[in-house]
Amino acid sequence: MSAVLQISAGTGPVEVRRFVALLADHLAARCENDGAVIREIVVHGEEEAPASVEIHLDAAPPWVSGLGGTHALVARSPDRGKRSRKRWYAGVRLCDAERGGAAATVRREDVTITAMRASGPGGQNVNKTASAVRVHHAASGISVRVADERSQKENVRVAMERIGRVLAEQASARAAGEKAGRRLAHYRVERGRPAFTYVLDRDGGLSCEETCSR
């Protein structure tokens, strides 16, 4: 499963951004230990205290799909007094990996081709050969009928190209929606009711409490 694991501080203070850096390292290490392939890690902001981190996975273990939600760190800030807050919340979101802008490839085995005779105005047959085609792409439900070309072979080629363009447009729209959602997630982090809670270990890394067992 290709995916992008986004860890965001929202509009939280520097303590949350530090937590984001620790959490990204923690989750990346877990992914690698389970054999996941990390293509790249994108850090938005300072390395030690980023606004968000995106872990791009070419192969993600199944448990990654359960990481979405609020993650909390219980730790006092060294920059604040003893009576200050000690819970810091970051948001984790699993997004579909973005696809490139190239047109989608439609394979012959993925479509059903039906030959038919092309017709002119009033239903008049333009020719007596079944050069027009209807190409149906079962996975997407898209069907295209083409009678523009003289040969059936050319009409099939044109129909498959048109289906490929439609699929590419749909993929682009989904990618745009995902990108917008990821931008919005930078600012939306639900405080309270965390799905996972951590404390700091002796080395300053993250140690997961009981909520991490889900």
C-alpha atoms as a PDB file:
ATOM      1  CA  MET A   1       0.000   0.000   0.000  1.00  0.00           C
ATOM      2  CA  SER A   2       1.483   3.362  -1.056  1.00  0.00           C
ATOM      3  CA  ALA A   3       0.551   6.148   1.321  1.00  0.00           C
ATOM      4  CA  VAL A   4       1.613   9.389   2.950  1.00  0.00           C
ATOM      5  CA  LEU A   5       1.652   9.506   6.731  1.00  0.00           C
ATOM      6  CA  GLN A   6       1.208  13.112   7.827  1.00  0.00           C
ATOM      7  CA  ILE A   7       2.058  14.244  11.370  1.00  0.00           C
ATOM      8  CA  SER A   8       0.937  17.799  12.101  1.00  0.00           C
ATOM      9  CA  ALA A   9       1.239  20.268  14.952  1.00  0.00           C
ATOM     10  CA  GLY A  10      -1.718  22.307  13.720  1.00  0.00           C
ATOM     11  CA  THR A  11      -1.398  25.741  15.283  1.00  0.00           C
ATOM     12  CA  GLY A  12       0.188  24.334  18.439  1.00  0.00           C
ATOM     13  CA  PRO A  13       3.167  25.899  20.245  1.00  0.00           C
ATOM     14  CA  VAL A  14       6.804  24.869  19.991  1.00  0.00           C
ATOM     15  CA  GLU A  15       6.278  21.984  22.438  1.00  0.00           C
ATOM     16  CA  VAL A  16       3.820  20.400  19.999  1.00  0.00           C
ATOM     17  CA  ARG A  17       6.207  20.931  17.091  1.00  0.00           C
ATOM     18  CA  ARG A  18       8.971  19.182  19.047  1.00  0.00           C
ATOM     19  CA  PHE A  19       6.544  16.332  19.675  1.00  0.00           C
ATOM     20  CA  VAL A  20       5.847  16.148  15.934  1.00  0.00           C
ATOM     21  CA  ALA A  21       9.576  15.653  15.249  1.00  0.00           C
ATOM     22  CA  LEU A  22       9.824  12.897  17.872  1.00  0.00           C
ATOM     23  CA  LEU A  23       6.627  11.228  16.683  1.00  0.00           C
ATOM     24  CA  ALA A  24       7.733  11.251  13.055  1.00  0.00           C
ATOM     25  CA  ASP A  25      11.034   9.583  14.014  1.00  0.00           C
ATOM     26  CA  HIS A  26       9.182   7.056  16.173  1.00  0.00           C
ATOM     27  CA  LEU A  27       6.670   6.094  13.479  1.00  0.00           C
ATOM     28  CA  ALA A  28       9.283   5.996  10.716  1.00  0.00           C
ATOM     29  CA  ALA A  29      11.396   3.614  12.809  1.00  0.00           C
ATOM     30  CA  ARG A  30       8.383   1.380  13.437  1.00  0.00           C
ATOM     31  CA  CYS A  31       7.591   1.306   9.713  1.00  0.00           C
ATOM     32  CA  GLU A  32      11.158   0.408   8.782  1.00  0.00           C
ATOM     33  CA  ASN A  33      11.313  -2.288  11.458  1.00  0.00           C
ATOM     34  CA  ASP A  34       8.233  -3.874   9.867  1.00  0.00           C
ATOM     35  CA  GLY A  35       9.831  -3.855   6.426  1.00  0.00           C
ATOM     36  CA  ALA A  36       8.121  -0.751   5.052  1.00  0.00           C
ATOM     37  CA  VAL A  37       9.821   1.129   2.228  1.00  0.00           C
ATOM     38  CA  ILE A  38      10.117   4.859   2.981  1.00  0.00           C
ATOM     39  CA  ARG A  39      10.556   6.780  -0.252  1.00  0.00           C
ATOM     40  CA  GLU A  40      11.080  10.170   1.354  1.00  0.00           C
ATOM     41  CA  ILE A  41      10.367  12.215   4.467  1.00  0.00           C
ATOM     42  CA  VAL A  42       9.271  15.810   3.949  1.00  0.00           C
ATOM     43  CA  VAL A  43       9.752  18.209   6.867  1.00  0.00           C
ATOM     44  CA  HIS A  44       7.805  21.488   6.909  1.00  0.00           C
ATOM     45  CA  GLY A  45       9.721  23.868   9.136  1.00  0.00           C
ATOM     46  CA  GLU A  46      12.698  23.410  11.432  1.00  0.00           C
ATOM     47  CA  GLU A  47      14.025  19.873  11.767  1.00  0.00           C
ATOM     48  CA  GLU A  48      13.796  19.897  15.566  1.00  0.00           C
ATOM     49  CA  ALA A  49      10.388  21.579  15.728  1.00  0.00           C
ATOM     50  CA  PRO A  50       8.505  21.312  12.396  1.00  0.00           C
ATOM     51  CA  ALA A  51       4.929  22.359  11.734  1.00  0.00           C
ATOM     52  CA  SER A  52       4.387  18.991  10.057  1.00  0.00           C
ATOM     53  CA  VAL A  53       6.195  15.975   8.679  1.00  0.00           C
ATOM     54  CA  GLU A  54       5.112  13.754   5.791  1.00  0.00           C
ATOM     55  CA  ILE A  55       6.429  10.189   5.568  1.00  0.00           C
ATOM     56  CA  HIS A  56       6.017   8.902   2.006  1.00  0.00           C
ATOM     57  CA  LEU A  57       5.689   5.117   2.030  1.00  0.00           C
ATOM     58  CA  ASP A  58       5.999   2.947  -1.053  1.00  0.00           C
ATOM     59  CA  ALA A  59       5.025  -0.079   1.006  1.00  0.00           C
ATOM     60  CA  ALA A  60       3.211   0.417   4.303  1.00  0.00           C
ATOM     61  CA  PRO A  61       2.466  -2.312   6.884  1.00  0.00           C
ATOM     62  CA  PRO A  62      -1.279  -2.873   7.531  1.00  0.00           C
ATOM     63  CA  TRP A  63      -1.192  -1.405  11.045  1.00  0.00           C
ATOM     64  CA  VAL A  64      -0.370   2.028   9.616  1.00  0.00           C
ATOM     65  CA  SER A  65      -4.026   2.433   8.595  1.00  0.00           C
ATOM     66  CA  GLY A  66      -4.952   2.519  12.293  1.00  0.00           C
ATOM     67  CA  LEU A  67      -2.675   5.424  13.203  1.00  0.00           C
ATOM     68  CA  GLY A  68      -5.060   8.203  12.223  1.00  0.00           C
ATOM     69  CA  GLY A  69      -6.310  10.538  14.929  1.00  0.00           C
ATOM     70  CA  THR A  70      -4.905  12.544  17.814  1.00  0.00           C
ATOM     71  CA  HIS A  71      -1.627  11.513  19.440  1.00  0.00           C
ATOM     72  CA  ALA A  72      -0.724  12.968  22.840  1.00  0.00           C
ATOM     73  CA  LEU A  73       2.537  13.448  24.680  1.00  0.00           C
ATOM     74  CA  VAL A  74       2.462  13.710  28.483  1.00  0.00           C
ATOM     75  CA  ALA A  75       5.561  15.666  29.452  1.00  0.00           C
ATOM     76  CA  ARG A  76       6.358  18.943  31.142  1.00  0.00           C
ATOM     77  CA  SER A  77       7.969  21.610  29.026  1.00  0.00           C
ATOM     78  CA  PRO A  78      11.444  22.737  30.137  1.00  0.00           C
ATOM     79  CA  ASP A  79      10.454  26.238  29.021  1.00  0.00           C
ATOM     80  CA  ARG A  80       7.407  26.528  31.291  1.00  0.00           C
ATOM     81  CA  GLY A  81       6.620  26.450  35.006  1.00  0.00           C
ATOM     82  CA  LYS A  82       5.571  23.369  36.984  1.00  0.00           C
ATOM     83  CA  ARG A  83       1.923  24.421  36.967  1.00  0.00           C
ATOM     84  CA  SER A  84       1.751  24.778  33.199  1.00  0.00           C
ATOM     85  CA  ARG A  85       0.064  22.262  30.925  1.00  0.00           C
ATOM     86  CA  LYS A  86       1.856  18.990  30.287  1.00  0.00           C
ATOM     87  CA  ARG A  87      -0.260  17.440  27.518  1.00  0.00           C
ATOM     88  CA  TRP A  88       0.632  18.194  23.908  1.00  0.00           C
ATOM     89  CA  TYR A  89      -1.483  17.062  20.964  1.00  0.00           C
ATOM     90  CA  ALA A  90      -0.467  16.263  17.396  1.00  0.00           C
ATOM     91  CA  GLY A  91      -2.622  15.020  14.548  1.00  0.00           C
ATOM     92  CA  VAL A  92      -1.801  11.991  12.391  1.00  0.00           C
ATOM     93  CA  ARG A  93      -3.484  11.391   9.050  1.00  0.00           C
ATOM     94  CA  LEU A  94      -2.988   8.692   6.430  1.00  0.00           C
ATOM     95  CA  CYS A  95      -3.364  10.038   2.887  1.00  0.00           C
ATOM     96  CA  ASP A  96      -3.308   8.408  -0.505  1.00  0.00           C
ATOM     97  CA  ALA A  97       0.018   8.786  -2.248  1.00  0.00           C
ATOM     98  CA  GLU A  98      -0.081  11.409  -4.985  1.00  0.00           C
ATOM     99  CA  ARG A  99       0.152  10.147  -8.508  1.00  0.00           C
ATOM    100  CA  GLY A 100       2.047  11.855 -11.279  1.00  0.00           C
ATOM    101  CA  GLY A 101       0.343  13.945 -13.927  1.00  0.00           C
ATOM    102  CA  ALA A 102       0.826  11.443 -16.751  1.00  0.00           C
ATOM    103  CA  ALA A 103      -2.255  10.088 -18.507  1.00  0.00           C
ATOM    104  CA  ALA A 104      -3.621   6.838 -17.152  1.00  0.00           C
ATOM    105  CA  THR A 105      -2.768   3.684 -19.046  1.00  0.00           C
ATOM    106  CA  VAL A 106      -5.740   1.598 -20.146  1.00  0.00           C
ATOM    107  CA  ARG A 107      -4.943  -2.025 -20.888  1.00  0.00           C
ATOM    108  CA  ARG A 108      -6.780  -3.986 -23.563  1.00  0.00           C
ATOM    109  CA  GLU A 109      -7.626  -6.757 -21.102  1.00  0.00           C
ATOM    110  CA  ASP A 110      -9.374  -4.246 -18.818  1.00  0.00           C
ATOM    111  CA  VAL A 111     -11.973  -3.185 -21.377  1.00  0.00           C
ATOM    112  CA  THR A 112     -14.859  -4.747 -23.270  1.00  0.00           C
ATOM    113  CA  ILE A 113     -15.076  -3.767 -26.932  1.00  0.00           C
ATOM    114  CA  THR A 114     -18.370  -3.918 -28.803  1.00  0.00           C
ATOM    115  CA  ALA A 115     -18.435  -3.288 -32.541  1.00  0.00           C
ATOM    116  CA  MET A 116     -21.336  -1.462 -34.151  1.00  0.00           C
ATOM    117  CA  ARG A 117     -22.125   0.280 -37.371  1.00  0.00           C
ATOM    118  CA  ALA A 118     -21.614   4.013 -37.501  1.00  0.00           C
ATOM    119  CA  SER A 119     -24.744   5.987 -38.252  1.00  0.00           C
ATOM    120  CA  GLY A 120     -25.332   9.387 -39.761  1.00  0.00           C
ATOM    121  CA  PRO A 121     -28.187  11.911 -39.399  1.00  0.00           C
ATOM    122  CA  GLY A 122     -31.537  10.278 -38.773  1.00  0.00           C
ATOM    123  CA  GLY A 123     -29.902   6.948 -38.050  1.00  0.00           C
ATOM    124  CA  GLN A 124     -28.668   6.502 -41.610  1.00  0.00           C
ATOM    125  CA  ASN A 125     -25.777   4.027 -41.812  1.00  0.00           C
ATOM    126  CA  VAL A 126     -22.598   5.771 -42.892  1.00  0.00           C
ATOM    127  CA  ASN A 127     -21.035   2.499 -43.965  1.00  0.00           C
ATOM    128  CA  LYS A 128     -21.932  -1.147 -43.995  1.00  0.00           C
ATOM    129  CA  THR A 129     -18.963  -2.293 -41.918  1.00  0.00           C
ATOM    130  CA  ALA A 130     -18.987  -2.319 -38.128  1.00  0.00           C
ATOM    131  CA  SER A 131     -16.236   0.276 -37.760  1.00  0.00           C
ATOM    132  CA  ALA A 132     -17.763   2.153 -34.806  1.00  0.00           C
ATOM    133  CA  VAL A 133     -16.972   0.796 -31.361  1.00  0.00           C
ATOM    134  CA  ARG A 134     -18.165   1.030 -27.788  1.00  0.00           C
ATOM    135  CA  VAL A 135     -15.343   0.522 -25.275  1.00  0.00           C
ATOM    136  CA  HIS A 136     -16.341  -0.148 -21.667  1.00  0.00           C
ATOM    137  CA  HIS A 137     -13.834   0.093 -18.809  1.00  0.00           C
ATOM    138  CA  ALA A 138     -15.306  -2.173 -16.137  1.00  0.00           C
ATOM    139  CA  ALA A 139     -13.219  -0.972 -13.177  1.00  0.00           C
ATOM    140  CA  SER A 140     -14.327   2.654 -13.531  1.00  0.00           C
ATOM    141  CA  GLY A 141     -17.653   2.134 -15.281  1.00  0.00           C
ATOM    142  CA  ILE A 142     -16.616   4.497 -18.072  1.00  0.00           C
ATOM    143  CA  SER A 143     -17.867   3.752 -21.588  1.00  0.00           C
ATOM    144  CA  VAL A 144     -16.822   5.601 -24.741  1.00  0.00           C
ATOM    145  CA  ARG A 145     -18.331   5.226 -28.187  1.00  0.00           C
ATOM    146  CA  VAL A 146     -16.207   6.314 -31.147  1.00  0.00           C
ATOM    147  CA  ALA A 147     -17.096   6.393 -34.837  1.00  0.00           C
ATOM    148  CA  ASP A 148     -14.786   9.181 -35.972  1.00  0.00           C
ATOM    149  CA  GLU A 149     -12.166   7.063 -37.665  1.00  0.00           C
ATOM    150  CA  ARG A 150     -12.450   4.917 -40.762  1.00  0.00           C
ATOM    151  CA  SER A 151     -11.186   1.695 -39.210  1.00  0.00           C
ATOM    152  CA  GLN A 152     -12.328  -0.188 -36.149  1.00  0.00           C
ATOM    153  CA  LYS A 153      -8.738  -0.420 -34.949  1.00  0.00           C
ATOM    154  CA  GLU A 154      -8.351   3.370 -34.943  1.00  0.00           C
ATOM    155  CA  ASN A 155     -11.686   3.859 -33.197  1.00  0.00           C
ATOM    156  CA  VAL A 156     -10.631   1.437 -30.457  1.00  0.00           C
ATOM    157  CA  ARG A 157      -7.350   3.334 -30.036  1.00  0.00           C
ATOM    158  CA  VAL A 158      -9.134   6.685 -29.806  1.00  0.00           C
ATOM    159  CA  ALA A 159     -11.722   5.316 -27.349  1.00  0.00           C
ATOM    160  CA  MET A 160      -9.043   3.911 -25.050  1.00  0.00           C
ATOM    161  CA  GLU A 161      -7.129   7.186 -25.169  1.00  0.00           C
ATOM    162  CA  ARG A 162     -10.278   9.075 -24.206  1.00  0.00           C
ATOM    163  CA  ILE A 163     -10.912   6.715 -21.303  1.00  0.00           C
ATOM    164  CA  GLY A 164      -7.299   7.224 -20.219  1.00  0.00           C
ATOM    165  CA  ARG A 165      -7.760  11.003 -20.238  1.00  0.00           C
ATOM    166  CA  VAL A 166     -10.929  10.742 -18.153  1.00  0.00           C
ATOM    167  CA  LEU A 167      -9.184   8.483 -15.627  1.00  0.00           C
ATOM    168  CA  ALA A 168      -6.247  10.898 -15.463  1.00  0.00           C
ATOM    169  CA  GLU A 169      -8.593  13.838 -14.858  1.00  0.00           C
ATOM    170  CA  GLN A 170     -10.349  11.930 -12.080  1.00  0.00           C
ATOM    171  CA  ALA A 171      -7.006  11.011 -10.489  1.00  0.00           C
ATOM    172  CA  SER A 172      -5.885  14.633 -10.696  1.00  0.00           C
ATOM    173  CA  ALA A 173      -9.093  15.794  -9.003  1.00  0.00           C
ATOM    174  CA  ARG A 174      -8.639  13.241  -6.223  1.00  0.00           C
ATOM    175  CA  ALA A 175      -5.012  14.285  -5.758  1.00  0.00           C
ATOM    176  CA  ALA A 176      -6.063  17.936  -5.541  1.00  0.00           C
ATOM    177  CA  GLY A 177      -8.638  17.023  -2.919  1.00  0.00           C
ATOM    178  CA  GLU A 178      -6.063  15.041  -0.943  1.00  0.00           C
ATOM    179  CA  LYS A 179      -3.582  17.910  -1.129  1.00  0.00           C
ATOM    180  CA  ALA A 180      -6.221  20.370   0.081  1.00  0.00           C
ATOM    181  CA  GLY A 181      -7.128  17.996   2.907  1.00  0.00           C
ATOM    182  CA  ARG A 182      -3.518  17.697   3.918  1.00  0.00           C
ATOM    183  CA  ARG A 183      -3.121  21.478   3.948  1.00  0.00           C
ATOM    184  CA  LEU A 184      -6.224  21.772   6.116  1.00  0.00           C
ATOM    185  CA  ALA A 185      -4.905  19.096   8.478  1.00  0.00           C
ATOM    186  CA  HIS A 186      -1.937  21.365   9.237  1.00  0.00           C
ATOM    187  CA  TYR A 187      -4.345  23.575  11.184  1.00  0.00           C
ATOM    188  CA  ARG A 188      -6.857  21.076  12.587  1.00  0.00           C
ATOM    189  CA  VAL A 189      -5.757  18.979  15.541  1.00  0.00           C
ATOM    190  CA  GLU A 190      -8.378  17.760  17.996  1.00  0.00           C
ATOM    191  CA  ARG A 191      -7.252  18.261  21.560  1.00  0.00           C
ATOM    192  CA  GLY A 192      -8.393  15.626  24.021  1.00  0.00           C
ATOM    193  CA  ARG A 193      -9.501  12.016  23.579  1.00  0.00           C
ATOM    194  CA  PRO A 194      -6.203  10.898  22.043  1.00  0.00           C
ATOM    195  CA  ALA A 195      -6.047   7.613  20.179  1.00  0.00           C
ATOM    196  CA  PHE A 196      -2.443   7.142  21.320  1.00  0.00           C
ATOM    197  CA  THR A 197      -0.534   8.532  24.308  1.00  0.00           C
ATOM    198  CA  TYR A 198       3.235   8.715  24.844  1.00  0.00           C
ATOM    199  CA  VAL A 199       5.716   9.627  27.539  1.00  0.00           C
ATOM    200  CA  LEU A 200       9.420  10.387  27.207  1.00  0.00           C
ATOM    201  CA  ASP A 201      11.872   7.580  27.905  1.00  0.00           C
ATOM    202  CA  ARG A 202      15.273   8.010  29.550  1.00  0.00           C
ATOM    203  CA  ASP A 203      16.911   8.823  26.233  1.00  0.00           C
ATOM    204  CA  GLY A 204      14.370  11.516  25.346  1.00  0.00           C
ATOM    205  CA  GLY A 205      12.567   9.328  22.816  1.00  0.00           C
ATOM    206  CA  LEU A 206       8.919   8.305  22.856  1.00  0.00           C
ATOM    207  CA  SER A 207       7.535   5.429  24.846  1.00  0.00           C
ATOM    208  CA  CYS A 208       3.980   4.373  24.069  1.00  0.00           C
ATOM    209  CA  GLU A 209       1.407   3.976  26.829  1.00  0.00           C
ATOM    210  CA  GLU A 210      -1.552   1.572  26.896  1.00  0.00           C
ATOM    211  CA  THR A 211      -3.591   3.378  24.192  1.00  0.00           C
ATOM    212  CA  CYS A 212      -0.933   2.433  21.632  1.00  0.00           C
ATOM    213  CA  SER A 213      -1.897  -1.224  21.813  1.00  0.00           C
ATOM    214  CA  ARG A 214      -5.057  -0.806  19.765  1.00  0.00           C
END
